[in-house]
Amino acid sequence: MNLLYTLLGGMIETFLIIIVGYALMGITGGKRLYSFLFVSFYGSVVLTMLKGSVPAYIYLLILIISIGILLTFIVRVSVKLSLLAIVAGSILLLLSEFVGSILLYLFQLVFHFTISDWPTLAVATPHMLMMLFMYFLIKKYNLGIHPNDANLGVKVSNTKFYSILFFLFAILFLYYAIIFSHHSSSVTLLSAVFLVIITILTFYVIQYLLNSNLESLSIQLNHQYEEDLSQYISQVKYQRHDFIHHILATKKMLDDGHYEECKDYLNEVLDETSSVNDVLPLTSDAVAGMLLSYKAIAFKKDVDLHFIIRDSLKDIPCRVFELNKILGNLILNSIEAVEIEEKSMKQITVVIGKTNNEYLFEVSNPACIDKFEKNISNIFKEGFSTKKGNGNQGQGLAIVQSLVEKYRGYLYPELLDNSVTFVVKIPCGG
């Protein structure tokens, strides 16, 4: 029975570490509850096996690393982010245990009872309730310390990330040494207040470090949004302004009997106006403006970029700038792939649609299938590129894949009839 209580208590504590830690990282459990419970049970078993047989520092390190790596595959985030979440959650659990033990000690003094005969789970109840309270507090007031990089495209440097991770490990082991080396009630009470203040300040500093790029990114995204919107509005105003001139020119040619010339003129006008008409079904003017911008870029490079839009994307779960990143990177890759080819291969088709269960995006262009197949295993790796040059080459598909996976979607290439089609599918519910 004692073993059962130990396993159950360890499982609950591990579960609380996971949900609180990931909440701090801005990641919600969502539909992963059963997976979290499974990992928590696994952590409880590891803890029970190691506790007492190896030093505390060793089993804490083994437990954190094993759980962090396992959760990486479940939550689909980087190992370093998982480790950061588990270490942060462990620090808060350790602090909660410390504060909880002090509260129980004070209650014993005031109400004259002893907890020595209480079940283990009953003694652990105060700090478990504290962890739950912290979880709901973090969720309600959005107190996470890390910007979700899938949300915003924020990339924190590895040096900064590992420095923070090392610092949190040091804090964890320091707390463990302080908490379990003091037994005097007066000392522990002062220590608890001190550690709570230090923890709050530590997480505040970490939040500042991890969010240091957010402000500049926000300005950049807002500027891009305004540019795309301005492009769309300018195109509409331009067509409206020139409409009367096209009517007068057409009437003059018809009056003079220049029917073939009038036909050619109207075809040119229709080709020009079709670019705006193609994107009219879209709800977001910013997305429409972005597509028109790439239409203009393609035109300058003598590339025929054709849009087939079958849905307004009104209810798509992605944010506007995320959708622009997904479509923009795929279209730009296609333009760069065909711009050096002969005229007959400078064709790109973009399909935007929706089925009953998912949104569908397809970007197609002619390509050498044999050459593409040689690189197919590397195309989604960050930094890989077949293009020469430096800078941010090889980032596009990695960014798209990260955003698509955030919404539980899929990104994959289709090879057919000497053409490559990149397909994105995003569930309607995200």
Protein backbone atom coordinates (compact mmCIF):
# COMPACT_ATOMS: atom_id res chain seq x y z
CA MET A 1 0.00 0.00 0.00
CA ASN A 2 2.88 2.36 0.82
CA LEU A 3 4.35 1.68 -2.62
CA LEU A 4 1.01 2.54 -4.23
CA TYR A 5 0.80 5.83 -2.31
CA THR A 6 4.38 6.63 -3.26
CA LEU A 7 3.73 5.98 -6.97
CA LEU A 8 0.47 7.96 -6.92
CA GLY A 9 2.06 10.89 -5.10
CA GLY A 10 5.04 10.91 -7.44
CA MET A 11 2.74 10.76 -10.46
CA ILE A 12 0.66 13.74 -9.28
CA GLU A 13 3.76 15.80 -8.48
CA THR A 14 5.35 15.00 -11.86
CA PHE A 15 2.10 15.90 -13.63
CA LEU A 16 2.00 19.25 -11.80
CA ILE A 17 5.64 19.92 -12.74
CA ILE A 18 4.80 19.28 -16.41
CA ILE A 19 1.65 21.41 -16.68
CA VAL A 20 3.05 24.33 -14.65
CA GLY A 21 6.39 24.24 -16.47
CA TYR A 22 4.81 24.18 -19.91
CA ALA A 23 2.35 26.91 -18.90
CA LEU A 24 5.37 29.07 -18.05
CA MET A 25 6.74 28.36 -21.52
CA GLY A 26 3.44 29.48 -23.08
CA ILE A 27 2.51 25.94 -24.18
CA THR A 28 -0.88 24.45 -23.35
CA GLY A 29 -1.52 20.76 -22.80
CA GLY A 30 -4.67 20.76 -24.92
CA LYS A 31 -5.50 17.24 -25.96
CA ARG A 32 -2.26 15.83 -24.53
CA LEU A 33 -3.68 15.17 -21.04
CA TYR A 34 -3.44 11.38 -21.30
CA SER A 35 0.09 11.64 -22.69
CA PHE A 36 1.09 13.87 -19.79
CA LEU A 37 -0.40 11.39 -17.32
CA PHE A 38 1.53 8.54 -18.95
CA VAL A 39 4.80 10.50 -18.74
CA SER A 40 3.96 11.40 -15.13
CA PHE A 41 3.52 7.72 -14.26
CA TYR A 42 6.82 6.96 -15.99
CA GLY A 43 8.50 9.72 -13.97
CA SER A 44 6.98 8.38 -10.76
CA VAL A 45 8.36 4.89 -11.44
CA VAL A 46 11.84 6.29 -12.21
CA LEU A 47 11.72 8.42 -9.07
CA THR A 48 10.67 5.46 -6.89
CA MET A 49 13.43 3.27 -8.32
CA LEU A 50 16.20 5.84 -7.92
CA LYS A 51 15.22 7.63 -4.72
CA GLY A 52 17.27 6.34 -1.82
CA SER A 53 19.68 4.38 -4.00
CA VAL A 54 21.49 7.34 -5.60
CA PRO A 55 22.23 10.88 -4.37
CA ALA A 56 19.35 13.35 -4.69
CA TYR A 57 21.19 15.53 -7.22
CA ILE A 58 21.74 12.55 -9.51
CA TYR A 59 18.17 11.25 -9.54
CA LEU A 60 16.81 14.79 -9.99
CA LEU A 61 19.08 15.28 -13.01
CA ILE A 62 18.16 11.87 -14.51
CA LEU A 63 14.45 12.46 -13.94
CA ILE A 64 14.44 15.93 -15.52
CA ILE A 65 16.43 14.87 -18.58
CA SER A 66 14.43 11.67 -19.20
CA ILE A 67 11.05 13.39 -18.84
CA GLY A 68 12.17 16.40 -20.88
CA ILE A 69 13.35 14.26 -23.80
CA LEU A 70 10.22 12.09 -23.72
CA LEU A 71 7.93 15.14 -23.71
CA THR A 72 9.79 16.58 -26.69
CA PHE A 73 8.23 13.95 -28.94
CA ILE A 74 4.77 14.33 -27.39
CA VAL A 75 4.49 18.12 -27.37
CA ARG A 76 6.63 18.49 -30.52
CA VAL A 77 8.87 21.26 -29.24
CA SER A 78 12.64 21.45 -28.96
CA VAL A 79 14.51 19.48 -26.30
CA LYS A 80 15.91 22.66 -24.79
CA LEU A 81 12.42 24.14 -24.37
CA SER A 82 11.15 20.93 -22.75
CA LEU A 83 14.10 20.87 -20.34
CA LEU A 84 13.54 24.54 -19.53
CA ALA A 85 9.88 23.81 -18.74
CA ILE A 86 10.65 20.80 -16.52
CA VAL A 87 13.41 22.58 -14.58
CA ALA A 88 11.19 25.64 -14.02
CA GLY A 89 8.32 23.40 -12.89
CA SER A 90 10.65 21.49 -10.55
CA ILE A 91 11.85 24.72 -8.93
CA LEU A 92 8.27 25.80 -8.26
CA LEU A 93 7.36 22.37 -6.86
CA LEU A 94 10.37 22.42 -4.54
CA LEU A 95 9.46 25.91 -3.37
CA SER A 96 5.82 24.86 -2.89
CA GLU A 97 6.92 21.88 -0.78
CA PHE A 98 9.02 24.19 1.37
CA VAL A 99 6.23 26.73 1.91
CA GLY A 100 3.70 23.93 2.44
CA SER A 101 5.82 22.29 5.13
CA ILE A 102 6.14 25.62 6.95
CA LEU A 103 2.38 26.18 6.84
CA LEU A 104 1.77 22.70 8.26
CA TYR A 105 4.32 23.37 11.00
CA LEU A 106 2.59 26.64 11.94
CA PHE A 107 -0.82 24.95 11.96
CA GLN A 108 0.56 22.32 14.32
CA LEU A 109 1.71 25.02 16.72
CA VAL A 110 -1.57 26.94 16.59
CA PHE A 111 -4.05 24.06 16.65
CA HIS A 112 -1.95 21.60 18.69
CA PHE A 113 -2.01 18.57 16.40
CA THR A 114 0.66 16.40 14.83
CA ILE A 115 1.02 15.29 11.21
CA SER A 116 3.44 12.45 11.85
CA ASP A 117 0.63 9.91 11.51
CA TRP A 118 -0.93 11.50 8.42
CA PRO A 119 -0.84 9.65 5.07
CA THR A 120 1.84 10.85 2.68
CA LEU A 121 -0.72 12.23 0.22
CA ALA A 122 -2.41 14.25 2.96
CA VAL A 123 0.90 15.86 3.93
CA ALA A 124 1.57 16.63 0.25
CA THR A 125 -1.85 18.21 -0.32
CA PRO A 126 -0.85 21.84 0.54
CA HIS A 127 2.00 22.08 -1.97
CA MET A 128 -0.04 20.27 -4.64
CA LEU A 129 -2.83 22.83 -4.20
CA MET A 130 -0.23 25.61 -4.45
CA MET A 131 1.00 24.20 -7.76
CA LEU A 132 -2.56 24.04 -9.10
CA PHE A 133 -3.14 27.62 -7.96
CA MET A 134 0.03 28.75 -9.75
CA TYR A 135 -1.06 26.93 -12.91
CA PHE A 136 -4.44 28.69 -13.03
CA LEU A 137 -2.77 31.99 -12.15
CA ILE A 138 -0.31 31.63 -15.04
CA LYS A 139 -3.09 30.68 -17.46
CA LYS A 140 -5.55 33.38 -16.38
CA TYR A 141 -3.11 36.30 -16.35
CA ASN A 142 -0.81 35.03 -19.13
CA LEU A 143 2.27 35.00 -16.89
CA GLY A 144 4.40 32.81 -19.15
CA ILE A 145 8.09 33.68 -19.31
CA HIS A 146 8.73 32.46 -22.84
CA PRO A 147 7.24 33.70 -26.13
CA ASN A 148 5.93 30.74 -28.11
CA ASP A 149 8.29 30.82 -31.11
CA ALA A 150 5.80 28.92 -33.16
CA ASN A 151 3.41 31.79 -32.58
CA LEU A 152 5.67 34.67 -33.36
CA GLY A 153 8.69 33.29 -35.12
CA VAL A 154 10.90 34.45 -32.27
CA LYS A 155 14.23 32.68 -32.31
CA VAL A 156 16.20 32.71 -29.07
CA SER A 157 19.92 32.09 -29.56
CA ASN A 158 21.27 28.75 -28.37
CA THR A 159 23.87 30.48 -26.20
CA LYS A 160 21.21 32.47 -24.37
CA PHE A 161 18.93 29.44 -24.02
CA TYR A 162 21.60 27.13 -22.64
CA SER A 163 22.89 29.83 -20.30
CA ILE A 164 19.38 30.23 -18.86
CA LEU A 165 18.97 26.45 -18.62
CA PHE A 166 22.28 26.08 -16.78
CA PHE A 167 21.31 28.92 -14.45
CA LEU A 168 17.95 27.29 -13.64
CA PHE A 169 19.66 23.97 -12.90
CA ALA A 170 21.98 25.82 -10.52
CA ILE A 171 18.99 27.49 -8.84
CA LEU A 172 17.23 24.12 -8.50
CA PHE A 173 20.16 22.40 -6.80
CA LEU A 174 20.86 25.46 -4.65
CA TYR A 175 17.24 25.48 -3.47
CA TYR A 176 17.45 21.77 -2.73
CA ALA A 177 20.57 22.29 -0.62
CA ILE A 178 19.10 25.27 1.26
CA ILE A 179 15.69 23.73 1.92
CA PHE A 180 16.88 20.35 3.16
CA SER A 181 19.74 21.69 5.26
CA HIS A 182 17.62 23.95 7.48
CA HIS A 183 15.31 22.63 10.16
CA SER A 184 14.85 25.60 12.50
CA SER A 185 11.38 27.08 12.04
CA SER A 186 12.62 30.68 12.31
CA VAL A 187 15.33 30.10 9.74
CA THR A 188 13.04 28.26 7.33
CA LEU A 189 10.37 30.97 7.56
CA LEU A 190 12.88 33.66 6.63
CA SER A 191 14.34 31.38 3.97
CA ALA A 192 10.90 30.80 2.45
CA VAL A 193 10.23 34.53 2.09
CA PHE A 194 13.71 35.04 0.65
CA LEU A 195 13.39 32.15 -1.84
CA VAL A 196 9.95 33.29 -3.02
CA ILE A 197 11.32 36.77 -3.74
CA ILE A 198 14.41 35.35 -5.47
CA THR A 199 12.23 33.03 -7.60
CA ILE A 200 9.95 35.86 -8.73
CA LEU A 201 12.94 38.04 -9.63
CA THR A 202 14.65 35.14 -11.42
CA PHE A 203 11.64 34.38 -13.60
CA TYR A 204 11.16 38.07 -14.31
CA VAL A 205 14.76 38.40 -15.53
CA ILE A 206 14.42 35.23 -17.64
CA GLN A 207 11.19 36.56 -19.13
CA TYR A 208 12.97 39.78 -20.05
CA LEU A 209 15.86 37.90 -21.68
CA LEU A 210 13.61 35.54 -23.65
CA ASN A 211 11.28 38.33 -24.79
CA SER A 212 14.00 40.83 -25.69
CA ASN A 213 13.32 40.44 -29.43
CA LEU A 214 9.53 40.73 -29.19
CA GLU A 215 9.24 44.51 -29.45
CA SER A 216 11.34 44.79 -32.60
CA LEU A 217 9.51 41.81 -34.09
CA SER A 218 6.13 43.39 -33.35
CA ILE A 219 7.18 46.60 -35.12
CA GLN A 220 8.45 44.60 -38.09
CA LEU A 221 5.22 42.59 -38.38
CA ASN A 222 3.09 45.72 -38.10
CA HIS A 223 5.16 47.42 -40.80
CA GLN A 224 4.79 44.39 -43.09
CA TYR A 225 1.04 44.29 -42.43
CA GLU A 226 0.70 47.95 -43.40
CA GLU A 227 2.77 47.43 -46.55
CA ASP A 228 0.65 44.48 -47.70
CA LEU A 229 -2.58 46.34 -46.97
CA SER A 230 -1.33 49.46 -48.72
CA GLN A 231 -0.40 47.39 -51.78
CA TYR A 232 -3.93 46.00 -52.01
CA ILE A 233 -5.66 49.37 -51.52
CA SER A 234 -3.37 51.05 -54.05
CA GLN A 235 -4.19 48.44 -56.68
CA VAL A 236 -7.94 48.92 -56.16
CA LYS A 237 -7.65 52.74 -56.29
CA TYR A 238 -5.49 52.54 -59.40
CA GLN A 239 -8.02 50.40 -61.25
CA ARG A 240 -10.94 52.59 -60.17
CA HIS A 241 -9.10 55.74 -61.28
CA ASP A 242 -8.28 54.32 -64.71
CA PHE A 243 -11.66 52.73 -65.34
CA ILE A 244 -13.15 55.80 -67.13
CA HIS A 245 -10.04 56.11 -69.30
CA HIS A 246 -10.36 52.49 -70.44
CA ILE A 247 -14.04 53.06 -71.30
CA LEU A 248 -13.25 56.18 -73.35
CA ALA A 249 -10.39 54.44 -75.17
CA THR A 250 -12.59 51.44 -75.97
CA LYS A 251 -15.40 53.66 -77.29
CA LYS A 252 -12.98 55.56 -79.53
CA MET A 253 -11.59 52.35 -81.06
CA LEU A 254 -15.09 50.96 -81.64
CA ASP A 255 -16.24 54.24 -83.24
CA ASP A 256 -13.25 54.11 -85.58
CA GLY A 257 -13.90 50.44 -86.44
CA HIS A 258 -10.63 49.20 -84.94
CA TYR A 259 -12.20 46.03 -83.59
CA GLU A 260 -9.10 43.83 -83.40
CA GLU A 261 -7.12 46.61 -81.75
CA CYS A 262 -9.99 47.09 -79.27
CA LYS A 263 -10.03 43.36 -78.53
CA ASP A 264 -6.28 43.31 -77.84
CA TYR A 265 -6.60 46.40 -75.66
CA LEU A 266 -9.39 44.85 -73.59
CA ASN A 267 -7.39 41.65 -73.15
CA GLU A 268 -4.48 43.68 -71.76
CA VAL A 269 -6.80 45.55 -69.38
CA LEU A 270 -8.39 42.29 -68.21
CA ASP A 271 -4.97 40.74 -67.60
CA GLU A 272 -4.04 43.73 -65.47
CA THR A 273 -7.26 43.79 -63.44
CA SER A 274 -7.45 40.02 -62.98
CA SER A 275 -4.70 40.14 -60.35
CA VAL A 276 -6.94 42.09 -57.98
CA ASN A 277 -10.03 40.10 -58.93
CA ASP A 278 -8.18 36.85 -58.16
CA VAL A 279 -7.69 37.81 -54.51
CA LEU A 280 -11.08 39.46 -53.92
CA PRO A 281 -12.59 36.31 -52.29
CA LEU A 282 -10.13 36.57 -49.38
CA THR A 283 -11.43 38.09 -46.15
CA SER A 284 -8.08 39.51 -45.06
CA ASP A 285 -6.87 42.52 -47.04
CA ALA A 286 -3.38 41.95 -45.63
CA VAL A 287 -3.21 38.43 -47.10
CA ALA A 288 -4.61 39.72 -50.39
CA GLY A 289 -2.02 42.50 -50.38
CA MET A 290 0.78 40.02 -49.73
CA LEU A 291 -0.33 37.87 -52.68
CA LEU A 292 -0.47 40.94 -54.93
CA SER A 293 3.04 41.90 -53.79
CA TYR A 294 4.38 38.51 -54.87
CA LYS A 295 2.38 38.78 -58.09
CA ALA A 296 4.27 42.02 -58.81
CA ILE A 297 7.62 40.41 -57.89
CA ALA A 298 6.89 37.47 -60.19
CA PHE A 299 5.85 39.80 -63.04
CA LYS A 300 9.18 41.66 -62.83
CA LYS A 301 10.97 38.32 -63.19
CA ASP A 302 8.77 37.30 -66.13
CA VAL A 303 7.11 34.57 -64.03
CA ASP A 304 3.41 33.82 -64.48
CA LEU A 305 1.91 33.54 -60.98
CA HIS A 306 -1.70 32.32 -61.04
CA PHE A 307 -4.07 32.20 -58.06
CA ILE A 308 -7.02 29.83 -57.67
CA ILE A 309 -8.91 30.91 -54.55
CA ARG A 310 -11.87 28.78 -53.50
CA ASP A 311 -12.33 29.94 -49.91
CA SER A 312 -12.26 33.27 -48.08
CA LEU A 313 -10.20 31.84 -45.16
CA LYS A 314 -12.56 33.68 -42.83
CA ASP A 315 -12.37 31.13 -40.01
CA ILE A 316 -8.84 29.78 -40.46
CA PRO A 317 -7.16 29.33 -37.03
CA CYS A 318 -3.88 30.94 -38.15
CA ARG A 319 -3.15 34.56 -37.43
CA VAL A 320 -2.81 36.87 -40.43
CA PHE A 321 0.97 37.24 -40.21
CA GLU A 322 1.35 33.47 -39.76
CA LEU A 323 -0.71 32.81 -42.89
CA ASN A 324 1.38 35.35 -44.78
CA LYS A 325 4.54 33.57 -43.62
CA ILE A 326 3.23 30.19 -44.79
CA LEU A 327 2.06 31.34 -48.22
CA GLY A 328 4.81 33.93 -48.68
CA ASN A 329 7.69 31.51 -48.07
CA LEU A 330 6.21 28.83 -50.35
CA ILE A 331 5.53 31.32 -53.17
CA LEU A 332 8.96 32.95 -52.84
CA ASN A 333 10.64 29.53 -53.00
CA SER A 334 8.74 28.75 -56.21
CA ILE A 335 9.64 32.10 -57.78
CA GLU A 336 13.32 31.56 -56.99
CA ALA A 337 13.12 28.02 -58.36
CA VAL A 338 11.71 28.98 -61.79
CA GLU A 339 13.15 32.46 -62.41
CA ILE A 340 16.34 31.00 -63.92
CA GLU A 341 14.45 28.57 -66.15
CA GLU A 342 13.27 29.08 -69.72
CA LYS A 343 10.00 30.92 -70.35
CA SER A 344 7.85 27.79 -70.69
CA MET A 345 8.77 26.70 -67.15
CA LYS A 346 8.11 30.06 -65.48
CA GLN A 347 4.67 29.03 -64.30
CA ILE A 348 3.44 28.97 -60.69
CA THR A 349 -0.03 28.01 -59.52
CA VAL A 350 -1.29 28.77 -56.03
CA VAL A 351 -4.46 27.02 -54.88
CA ILE A 352 -6.28 28.11 -51.72
CA GLY A 353 -9.28 26.06 -50.63
CA LYS A 354 -11.12 24.22 -47.91
CA THR A 355 -12.65 20.77 -47.45
CA ASN A 356 -15.05 19.72 -44.73
CA ASN A 357 -12.29 19.19 -42.20
CA GLU A 358 -9.24 21.18 -43.26
CA TYR A 359 -7.84 24.15 -45.12
CA LEU A 360 -5.74 23.34 -48.18
CA PHE A 361 -2.89 25.29 -49.77
CA GLU A 362 -0.98 24.14 -52.84
CA VAL A 363 1.94 25.90 -54.53
CA SER A 364 3.05 24.23 -57.78
CA ASN A 365 5.84 24.89 -60.24
CA PRO A 366 7.71 22.94 -62.95
CA ALA A 367 10.88 21.27 -61.69
CA CYS A 368 13.51 18.66 -62.43
CA ILE A 369 12.12 15.69 -60.49
CA ASP A 370 15.41 13.75 -60.40
CA LYS A 371 17.28 16.70 -58.91
CA PHE A 372 14.51 17.34 -56.39
CA GLU A 373 14.40 13.70 -55.26
CA LYS A 374 18.11 13.80 -54.40
CA ASN A 375 17.48 16.59 -51.87
CA ILE A 376 14.04 15.56 -50.64
CA SER A 377 15.32 14.23 -47.30
CA ASN A 378 17.00 17.56 -46.49
CA ILE A 379 14.56 20.21 -47.71
CA PHE A 380 12.89 20.71 -44.32
CA LYS A 381 16.16 20.99 -42.41
CA GLU A 382 16.86 24.49 -41.15
CA GLY A 383 19.70 26.06 -43.11
CA PHE A 384 19.56 23.67 -46.08
CA SER A 385 19.34 25.34 -49.47
CA THR A 386 20.16 24.52 -53.08
CA LYS A 387 20.62 28.24 -53.79
CA LYS A 388 24.02 29.87 -53.60
CA GLY A 389 24.58 32.74 -51.23
CA ASN A 390 24.62 33.60 -47.56
CA GLY A 391 22.15 35.18 -45.20
CA ASN A 392 18.87 33.50 -44.36
CA GLN A 393 19.00 30.84 -47.07
CA GLY A 394 17.30 27.59 -46.11
CA GLN A 395 14.99 29.08 -43.47
CA GLY A 396 11.72 29.25 -45.45
CA LEU A 397 10.48 25.65 -45.34
CA ALA A 398 11.63 25.22 -41.73
CA ILE A 399 9.54 28.27 -40.74
CA VAL A 400 6.53 27.00 -42.69
CA GLN A 401 6.79 23.54 -41.12
CA SER A 402 7.02 25.02 -37.62
CA LEU A 403 3.89 27.14 -38.14
CA VAL A 404 1.92 24.32 -39.76
CA GLU A 405 2.79 21.86 -36.99
CA LYS A 406 1.67 24.41 -34.41
CA TYR A 407 -1.87 24.00 -35.75
CA ARG A 408 -1.57 20.19 -35.99
CA GLY A 409 -1.27 20.42 -39.75
CA TYR A 410 0.89 18.81 -42.43
CA LEU A 411 3.39 20.02 -45.03
CA TYR A 412 4.64 17.70 -47.74
CA PRO A 413 5.76 17.77 -51.41
CA GLU A 414 4.02 15.98 -54.29
CA LEU A 415 5.98 15.07 -57.42
CA LEU A 416 3.93 14.62 -60.58
CA ASP A 417 4.44 15.20 -64.32
CA ASN A 418 7.68 17.16 -64.00
CA SER A 419 6.22 19.51 -61.41
CA VAL A 420 6.59 19.93 -57.66
CA THR A 421 3.64 20.85 -55.47
CA PHE A 422 4.05 21.80 -51.83
CA VAL A 423 0.86 20.93 -50.00
CA VAL A 424 -0.20 22.42 -46.66
CA LYS A 425 -3.19 21.03 -44.76
CA ILE A 426 -4.41 22.70 -41.57
CA PRO A 427 -7.35 21.25 -39.59
CA CYS A 428 -10.32 23.61 -39.35
CA GLY A 429 -10.18 23.54 -35.58
CA GLY A 430 -6.45 24.15 -35.51
